């Protein structure tokens, strides 16, 4: 009985694997171009983000420097 059960389970698993492999291959074949498209667009989007972020940061640093200079000019007379 146990041997019969094992044999039936082995046959079922073999059938499952035989049907699963082409499904996985089909999935992988369809996924690869999607991933390539995502990676191509992602790289361009990241470059655009970095360019915009760099400009924003430069603007912030310049404005912060002006604020600090104003603070320092107003604080200096308060020094003893």
PDB file of N, CA and C in Angstrom:
ATOM      1  N   UNK A   1       0.828  -1.182   0.000  1.00  0.00           N
ATOM      2  CA  UNK A   1       0.000   0.000   0.000  1.00  0.00           C
ATOM      3  C   UNK A   1       0.880   1.255   0.000  1.00  0.00           C
ATOM      4  N   UNK A   2       1.880   1.312   0.875  1.00  0.00           N
ATOM      5  CA  UNK A   2       2.775   2.458   0.944  1.00  0.00           C
ATOM      6  C   UNK A   2       3.544   2.612  -0.365  1.00  0.00           C
ATOM      7  N   UNK A   3       3.986   1.493  -0.915  1.00  0.00           N
ATOM      8  CA  UNK A   3       4.725   1.513  -2.174  1.00  0.00           C
ATOM      9  C   UNK A   3       3.837   2.037  -3.297  1.00  0.00           C
ATOM     10  N   UNK A   4       2.615   1.608  -3.321  1.00  0.00           N
ATOM     11  CA  UNK A   4       1.642   2.043  -4.328  1.00  0.00           C
ATOM     12  C   UNK A   4       1.390   3.552  -4.205  1.00  0.00           C
ATOM     13  N   UNK A   5       1.252   4.017  -2.984  1.00  0.00           N
ATOM     14  CA  UNK A   5       1.032   5.436  -2.731  1.00  0.00           C
ATOM     15  C   UNK A   5       2.222   6.255  -3.239  1.00  0.00           C
ATOM     16  N   UNK A   6       3.437   5.806  -2.919  1.00  0.00           N
ATOM     17  CA  UNK A   6       4.646   6.497  -3.371  1.00  0.00           C
ATOM     18  C   UNK A   6       4.715   6.537  -4.893  1.00  0.00           C
ATOM     19  N   UNK A   7       4.391   5.445  -5.529  1.00  0.00           N
ATOM     20  CA  UNK A   7       4.443   5.370  -6.996  1.00  0.00           C
ATOM     21  C   UNK A   7       3.439   6.333  -7.610  1.00  0.00           C
ATOM     22  N   UNK A   8       2.233   6.394  -7.051  1.00  0.00           N
ATOM     23  CA  UNK A   8       1.214   7.309  -7.571  1.00  0.00           C
ATOM     24  C   UNK A   8       1.631   8.763  -7.364  1.00  0.00           C
ATOM     25  N   UNK A   9       2.172   9.045  -6.190  1.00  0.00           N
ATOM     26  CA  UNK A   9       2.628  10.420  -5.921  1.00  0.00           C
ATOM     27  C   UNK A   9       3.781  10.803  -6.845  1.00  0.00           C
ATOM     28  N   UNK A  10       4.686   9.880  -7.078  1.00  0.00           N
ATOM     29  CA  UNK A  10       5.814  10.153  -7.965  1.00  0.00           C
ATOM     30  C   UNK A  10       5.323  10.438  -9.380  1.00  0.00           C
ATOM     31  N   UNK A  11       4.337   9.682  -9.838  1.00  0.00           N
ATOM     32  CA  UNK A  11       3.778   9.902 -11.171  1.00  0.00           C
ATOM     33  C   UNK A  11       3.081  11.254 -11.249  1.00  0.00           C
ATOM     34  N   UNK A  12       2.337  11.603 -10.207  1.00  0.00           N
ATOM     35  CA  UNK A  12       1.664  12.902 -10.177  1.00  0.00           C
ATOM     36  C   UNK A  12       2.680  14.046 -10.191  1.00  0.00           C
ATOM     37  N   UNK A  13       3.741  13.895  -9.416  1.00  0.00           N
ATOM     38  CA  UNK A  13       4.764  14.935  -9.363  1.00  0.00           C
ATOM     39  C   UNK A  13       5.484  15.055 -10.705  1.00  0.00           C
ATOM     40  N   UNK A  14       5.768  13.955 -11.331  1.00  0.00           N
ATOM     41  CA  UNK A  14       6.418  13.981 -12.645  1.00  0.00           C
ATOM     42  C   UNK A  14       5.518  14.672 -13.667  1.00  0.00           C
ATOM     43  N   UNK A  15       4.226  14.392 -13.614  1.00  0.00           N
ATOM     44  CA  UNK A  15       3.269  15.037 -14.523  1.00  0.00           C
ATOM     45  C   UNK A  15       3.224  16.543 -14.251  1.00  0.00           C
ATOM     46  N   UNK A  16       3.186  16.893 -12.977  1.00  0.00           N
ATOM     47  CA  UNK A  16       3.178  18.310 -12.596  1.00  0.00           C
ATOM     48  C   UNK A  16       4.428  19.011 -13.124  1.00  0.00           C
ATOM     49  N   UNK A  17       5.584  18.423 -12.900  1.00  0.00           N
ATOM     50  CA  UNK A  17       6.847  19.019 -13.348  1.00  0.00           C
ATOM     51  C   UNK A  17       6.890  19.153 -14.873  1.00  0.00           C
ATOM     52  N   UNK A  18       6.386  18.141 -15.566  1.00  0.00           N
ATOM     53  CA  UNK A  18       6.377  18.187 -17.033  1.00  0.00           C
ATOM     54  C   UNK A  18       5.501  19.334 -17.532  1.00  0.00           C
ATOM     55  N   UNK A  19       4.427  19.628 -16.836  1.00  0.00           N
ATOM     56  CA  UNK A  19       3.530  20.720 -17.234  1.00  0.00           C
ATOM     57  C   UNK A  19       4.040  22.084 -16.730  1.00  0.00           C
ATOM     58  N   UNK A  20       4.730  22.088 -15.599  1.00  0.00           N
ATOM     59  CA  UNK A  20       5.210  23.334 -15.016  1.00  0.00           C
ATOM     60  C   UNK A  20       6.368  23.924 -15.803  1.00  0.00           C
ATOM     61  N   UNK A  21       7.266  23.102 -16.277  1.00  0.00           N
ATOM     62  CA  UNK A  21       8.465  23.598 -16.955  1.00  0.00           C
ATOM     63  C   UNK A  21       8.151  24.483 -18.158  1.00  0.00           C
ATOM     64  N   UNK A  22       7.244  24.089 -19.050  1.00  0.00           N
ATOM     65  CA  UNK A  22       6.944  24.991 -20.171  1.00  0.00           C
ATOM     66  C   UNK A  22       6.245  26.281 -19.714  1.00  0.00           C
ATOM     67  N   UNK A  23       5.445  26.182 -18.651  1.00  0.00           N
ATOM     68  CA  UNK A  23       4.811  27.395 -18.124  1.00  0.00           C
ATOM     69  C   UNK A  23       5.862  28.375 -17.618  1.00  0.00           C
ATOM     70  N   UNK A  24       6.838  27.853 -16.894  1.00  0.00           N
ATOM     71  CA  UNK A  24       7.907  28.700 -16.379  1.00  0.00           C
ATOM     72  C   UNK A  24       8.735  29.280 -17.526  1.00  0.00           C
ATOM     73  N   UNK A  25       9.014  28.482 -18.516  1.00  0.00           N
ATOM     74  CA  UNK A  25       9.776  28.973 -19.669  1.00  0.00           C
ATOM     75  C   UNK A  25       9.018  30.085 -20.387  1.00  0.00           C
ATOM     76  N   UNK A  26       7.716  29.933 -20.536  1.00  0.00           N
ATOM     77  CA  UNK A  26       6.890  30.961 -21.169  1.00  0.00           C
ATOM     78  C   UNK A  26       6.899  32.238 -20.334  1.00  0.00           C
ATOM     79  N   UNK A  27       6.751  32.085 -19.033  1.00  0.00           N
ATOM     80  CA  UNK A  27       6.791  33.235 -18.120  1.00  0.00           C
ATOM     81  C   UNK A  27       8.127  33.977 -18.238  1.00  0.00           C
ATOM     82  N   UNK A  28       9.219  33.234 -18.184  1.00  0.00           N
ATOM     83  CA  UNK A  28      10.548  33.840 -18.271  1.00  0.00           C
ATOM     84  C   UNK A  28      10.752  34.545 -19.613  1.00  0.00           C
ATOM     85  N   UNK A  29      10.279  33.929 -20.692  1.00  0.00           N
ATOM     86  CA  UNK A  29      10.425  34.537 -22.013  1.00  0.00           C
ATOM     87  C   UNK A  29       9.662  35.855 -22.101  1.00  0.00           C
ATOM     88  N   UNK A  30       8.518  35.934 -21.472  1.00  0.00           N
ATOM     89  CA  UNK A  30       7.715  37.173 -21.489  1.00  0.00           C
ATOM     90  C   UNK A  30       8.228  38.194 -20.477  1.00  0.00           C
ATOM     91  N   UNK A  31       8.822  37.729 -19.394  1.00  0.00           N
ATOM     92  CA  UNK A  31       9.306  38.628 -18.349  1.00  0.00           C
ATOM     93  C   UNK A  31      10.577  39.357 -18.764  1.00  0.00           C
ATOM     94  N   UNK A  32      11.455  38.688 -19.493  1.00  0.00           N
ATOM     95  CA  UNK A  32      12.747  39.281 -19.838  1.00  0.00           C
ATOM     96  C   UNK A  32      12.617  40.600 -20.597  1.00  0.00           C
ATOM     97  N   UNK A  33      11.778  40.698 -21.634  1.00  0.00           N
ATOM     98  CA  UNK A  33      11.655  41.993 -22.309  1.00  0.00           C
ATOM     99  C   UNK A  33      11.015  43.063 -21.418  1.00  0.00           C
ATOM    100  N   UNK A  34      10.106  42.652 -20.550  1.00  0.00           N
ATOM    101  CA  UNK A  34       9.504  43.613 -19.617  1.00  0.00           C
ATOM    102  C   UNK A  34      10.568  44.184 -18.689  1.00  0.00           C
ATOM    103  N   UNK A  35      11.417  43.320 -18.185  1.00  0.00           N
ATOM    104  CA  UNK A  35      12.482  43.750 -17.292  1.00  0.00           C
ATOM    105  C   UNK A  35      13.471  44.657 -18.024  1.00  0.00           C
ATOM    106  N   UNK A  36      13.806  44.298 -19.240  1.00  0.00           N
ATOM    107  CA  UNK A  36      14.730  45.131 -20.018  1.00  0.00           C
ATOM    108  C   UNK A  36      14.135  46.514 -20.263  1.00  0.00           C
ATOM    109  N   UNK A  37      12.851  46.568 -20.573  1.00  0.00           N
ATOM    110  CA  UNK A  37      12.168  47.842 -20.785  1.00  0.00           C
ATOM    111  C   UNK A  37      12.177  48.662 -19.503  1.00  0.00           C
ATOM    112  N   UNK A  38      11.873  48.023 -18.387  1.00  0.00           N
ATOM    113  CA  UNK A  38      11.882  48.710 -17.097  1.00  0.00           C
ATOM    114  C   UNK A  38      13.274  49.261 -16.795  1.00  0.00           C
ATOM    115  N   UNK A  39      14.292  48.445 -17.001  1.00  0.00           N
ATOM    116  CA  UNK A  39      15.653  48.880 -16.694  1.00  0.00           C
ATOM    117  C   UNK A  39      16.080  50.035 -17.593  1.00  0.00           C
ATOM    118  N   UNK A  40      15.703  49.998 -18.857  1.00  0.00           N
ATOM    119  CA  UNK A  40      16.052  51.089 -19.771  1.00  0.00           C
ATOM    120  C   UNK A  40      15.367  52.388 -19.337  1.00  0.00           C
ATOM    121  N   UNK A  41      14.092  52.307 -19.018  1.00  0.00           N
ATOM    122  CA  UNK A  41      13.361  53.497 -18.590  1.00  0.00           C
ATOM    123  C   UNK A  41      13.821  53.942 -17.206  1.00  0.00           C
ATOM    124  N   UNK A  42      14.102  52.992 -16.367  1.00  0.00           N
ATOM    125  CA  UNK A  42      14.547  53.322 -15.017  1.00  0.00           C
ATOM    126  C   UNK A  42      15.850  54.095 -15.029  1.00  0.00           C
ATOM    127  N   UNK A  43      16.776  53.706 -15.880  1.00  0.00           N
ATOM    128  CA  UNK A  43      18.064  54.401 -15.960  1.00  0.00           C
ATOM    129  C   UNK A  43      17.861  55.840 -16.426  1.00  0.00           C
ATOM    130  N   UNK A  44      17.012  56.033 -17.408  1.00  0.00           N
ATOM    131  CA  UNK A  44      16.751  57.390 -17.909  1.00  0.00           C
ATOM    132  C   UNK A  44      16.041  58.230 -16.854  1.00  0.00           C
ATOM    133  N   UNK A  45      15.082  57.635 -16.166  1.00  0.00           N
ATOM    134  CA  UNK A  45      14.376  58.355 -15.104  1.00  0.00           C
ATOM    135  C   UNK A  45      15.325  58.728 -13.970  1.00  0.00           C
ATOM    136  N   UNK A  46      16.216  57.825 -13.615  1.00  0.00           N
ATOM    137  CA  UNK A  46      17.161  58.111 -12.544  1.00  0.00           C
ATOM    138  C   UNK A  46      18.102  59.254 -12.961  1.00  0.00           C
ATOM    139  N   UNK A  47      18.563  59.240 -14.182  1.00  0.00           N
ATOM    140  CA  UNK A  47      19.446  60.308 -14.660  1.00  0.00           C
ATOM    141  C   UNK A  47      18.721  61.652 -14.619  1.00  0.00           C
ATOM    142  N   UNK A  48      17.458  61.672 -15.018  1.00  0.00           N
ATOM    143  CA  UNK A  48      16.663  62.903 -14.975  1.00  0.00           C
ATOM    144  C   UNK A  48      16.499  63.376 -13.528  1.00  0.00           C
ATOM    145  N   UNK A  49      16.196  62.451 -12.638  1.00  0.00           N
ATOM    146  CA  UNK A  49      16.055  62.784 -11.219  1.00  0.00           C
ATOM    147  C   UNK A  49      17.355  63.373 -10.676  1.00  0.00           C
ATOM    148  N   UNK A  50      18.466  62.732 -10.963  1.00  0.00           N
ATOM    149  CA  UNK A  50      19.753  63.199 -10.466  1.00  0.00           C
ATOM    150  C   UNK A  50      20.072  64.596 -10.983  1.00  0.00           C
ATOM    151  N   UNK A  51      19.791  64.859 -12.248  1.00  0.00           N
ATOM    152  CA  UNK A  51      20.055  66.180 -12.814  1.00  0.00           C
ATOM    153  C   UNK A  51      19.204  67.243 -12.108  1.00  0.00           C
ATOM    154  N   UNK A  52      17.935  66.948 -11.906  1.00  0.00           N
ATOM    155  CA  UNK A  52      17.042  67.902 -11.232  1.00  0.00           C
ATOM    156  C   UNK A  52      17.412  68.066  -9.764  1.00  0.00           C
ATOM    157  N   UNK A  53      17.774  66.982  -9.110  1.00  0.00           N
ATOM    158  CA  UNK A  53      18.154  67.047  -7.704  1.00  0.00           C
ATOM    159  C   UNK A  53      19.428  67.856  -7.531  1.00  0.00           C
ATOM    160  N   UNK A  54      20.368  67.692  -8.423  1.00  0.00           N
ATOM    161  CA  UNK A  54      21.623  68.438  -8.345  1.00  0.00           C
ATOM    162  C   UNK A  54      21.359  69.934  -8.455  1.00  0.00           C
ATOM    163  N   UNK A  55      20.481  70.323  -9.372  1.00  0.00           N
ATOM    164  CA  UNK A  55      20.139  71.736  -9.524  1.00  0.00           C
ATOM    165  C   UNK A  55      19.434  72.266  -8.276  1.00  0.00           C
ATOM    166  N   UNK A  56      18.511  71.477  -7.735  1.00  0.00           N
ATOM    167  CA  UNK A  56      17.814  71.895  -6.513  1.00  0.00           C
ATOM    168  C   UNK A  56      18.781  72.052  -5.344  1.00  0.00           C
ATOM    169  N   UNK A  57      19.701  71.119  -5.223  1.00  0.00           N
ATOM    170  CA  UNK A  57      20.664  71.171  -4.135  1.00  0.00           C
ATOM    171  C   UNK A  57      21.566  72.397  -4.277  1.00  0.00           C
ATOM    172  N   UNK A  58      22.002  72.685  -5.480  1.00  0.00           N
ATOM    173  CA  UNK A  58      22.846  73.861  -5.700  1.00  0.00           C
ATOM    174  C   UNK A  58      22.099  75.131  -5.322  1.00  0.00           C
ATOM    175  N   UNK A  59      20.825  75.210  -5.670  1.00  0.00           N
ATOM    176  CA  UNK A  59      20.005  76.367  -5.316  1.00  0.00           C
ATOM    177  C   UNK A  59      19.874  76.486  -3.801  1.00  0.00           C
ATOM    178  N   UNK A  60      19.620  75.386  -3.139  1.00  0.00           N
ATOM    179  CA  UNK A  60      19.501  75.369  -1.680  1.00  0.00           C
ATOM    180  C   UNK A  60      20.804  75.823  -1.024  1.00  0.00           C
ATOM    181  N   UNK A  61      21.923  75.282  -1.480  1.00  0.00           N
ATOM    182  CA  UNK A  61      23.217  75.621  -0.894  1.00  0.00           C
ATOM    183  C   UNK A  61      23.499  77.115  -1.062  1.00  0.00           C
ATOM    184  N   UNK A  62      23.203  77.665  -2.232  1.00  0.00           N
ATOM    185  CA  UNK A  62      23.427  79.099  -2.471  1.00  0.00           C
ATOM    186  C   UNK A  62      22.549  79.942  -1.544  1.00  0.00           C
ATOM    187  N   UNK A  63      21.282  79.584  -1.428  1.00  0.00           N
ATOM    188  CA  UNK A  63      20.370  80.344  -0.559  1.00  0.00           C
ATOM    189  C   UNK A  63      20.753  80.194   0.909  1.00  0.00           C
ATOM    190  N   UNK A  64      21.171  79.013   1.296  1.00  0.00           N
ATOM    191  CA  UNK A  64      21.599  78.788   2.676  1.00  0.00           C
ATOM    192  C   UNK A  64      22.839  79.603   2.984  1.00  0.00           C
ATOM    193  N   UNK A  65      23.753  79.684   2.037  1.00  0.00           N
ATOM    194  CA  UNK A  65      24.968  80.471   2.248  1.00  0.00           C
ATOM    195  C   UNK A  65      24.613  81.941   2.467  1.00  0.00           C
ATOM    196  N   UNK A  66      23.655  82.451   1.703  1.00  0.00           N
ATOM    197  CA  UNK A  66      23.231  83.840   1.881  1.00  0.00           C
ATOM    198  C   UNK A  66      22.584  84.041   3.250  1.00  0.00           C
ATOM    199  N   UNK A  67      21.772  83.102   3.678  1.00  0.00           N
ATOM    200  CA  UNK A  67      21.158  83.184   5.003  1.00  0.00           C
ATOM    201  C   UNK A  67      22.209  83.159   6.106  1.00  0.00           C
ATOM    202  N   UNK A  68      23.191  82.289   5.959  1.00  0.00           N
ATOM    203  CA  UNK A  68      24.246  82.187   6.966  1.00  0.00           C
ATOM    204  C   UNK A  68      25.064  83.477   7.019  1.00  0.00           C
ATOM    205  N   UNK A  69      25.361  84.018   5.869  1.00  0.00           N
ATOM    206  CA  UNK A  69      26.109  85.275   5.827  1.00  0.00           C
ATOM    207  C   UNK A  69      25.317  86.385   6.516  1.00  0.00           C
ATOM    208  N   UNK A  70      24.017  86.443   6.306  1.00  0.00           N
ATOM    209  CA  UNK A  70      23.163  87.437   6.956  1.00  0.00           C
ATOM    210  C   UNK A  70      23.174  87.222   8.469  1.00  0.00           C
ATOM    211  N   UNK A  71      23.048  85.973   8.878  1.00  0.00           N
ATOM    212  CA  UNK A  71      23.086  85.656  10.310  1.00  0.00           C
ATOM    213  C   UNK A  71      24.419  86.088  10.920  1.00  0.00           C
ATOM    214  N   UNK A  72      25.505  85.750  10.267  1.00  0.00           N
ATOM    215  CA  UNK A  72      26.829  86.092  10.771  1.00  0.00           C
ATOM    216  C   UNK A  72      27.010  87.605  10.860  1.00  0.00           C
ATOM    217  N   UNK A  73      26.501  88.325   9.854  1.00  0.00           N
ATOM    218  CA  UNK A  73      26.634  89.788   9.858  1.00  0.00           C
ATOM    219  C   UNK A  73      25.857  90.379  11.027  1.00  0.00           C
ATOM    220  N   UNK A  74      24.708  89.830  11.344  1.00  0.00           N
ATOM    221  CA  UNK A  74      23.889  90.338  12.449  1.00  0.00           C
ATOM    222  C   UNK A  74      24.409  89.881  13.812  1.00  0.00           C
ATOM    223  N   UNK A  75      25.053  88.744  13.866  1.00  0.00           N
ATOM    224  CA  UNK A  75      25.568  88.211  15.123  1.00  0.00           C
ATOM    225  C   UNK A  75      26.880  88.873  15.508  1.00  0.00           C
ATOM    226  N   UNK A  76      27.695  89.218  14.530  1.00  0.00           N
ATOM    227  CA  UNK A  76      29.027  89.753  14.783  1.00  0.00           C
ATOM    228  C   UNK A  76      29.019  90.928  15.771  1.00  0.00           C
ATOM    229  N   UNK A  77      28.133  91.900  15.590  1.00  0.00           N
ATOM    230  CA  UNK A  77      28.150  93.015  16.545  1.00  0.00           C
ATOM    231  C   UNK A  77      27.793  92.596  17.976  1.00  0.00           C
ATOM    232  N   UNK A  78      27.163  91.438  18.128  1.00  0.00           N
ATOM    233  CA  UNK A  78      26.778  90.981  19.453  1.00  0.00           C
ATOM    234  C   UNK A  78      27.940  90.328  20.201  1.00  0.00           C
ATOM    235  N   UNK A  79      28.994  89.995  19.485  1.00  0.00           N
ATOM    236  CA  UNK A  79      30.162  89.354  20.127  1.00  0.00           C
ATOM    237  C   UNK A  79      30.830  90.332  21.075  1.00  0.00           C
ATOM    238  N   UNK A  80      31.304  89.803  22.149  1.00  0.00           N
ATOM    239  CA  UNK A  80      31.977  90.637  23.152  1.00  0.00           C
ATOM    240  C   UNK A  80      33.470  90.623  22.909  1.00  0.00           C
TER     241      UNK A  80
END
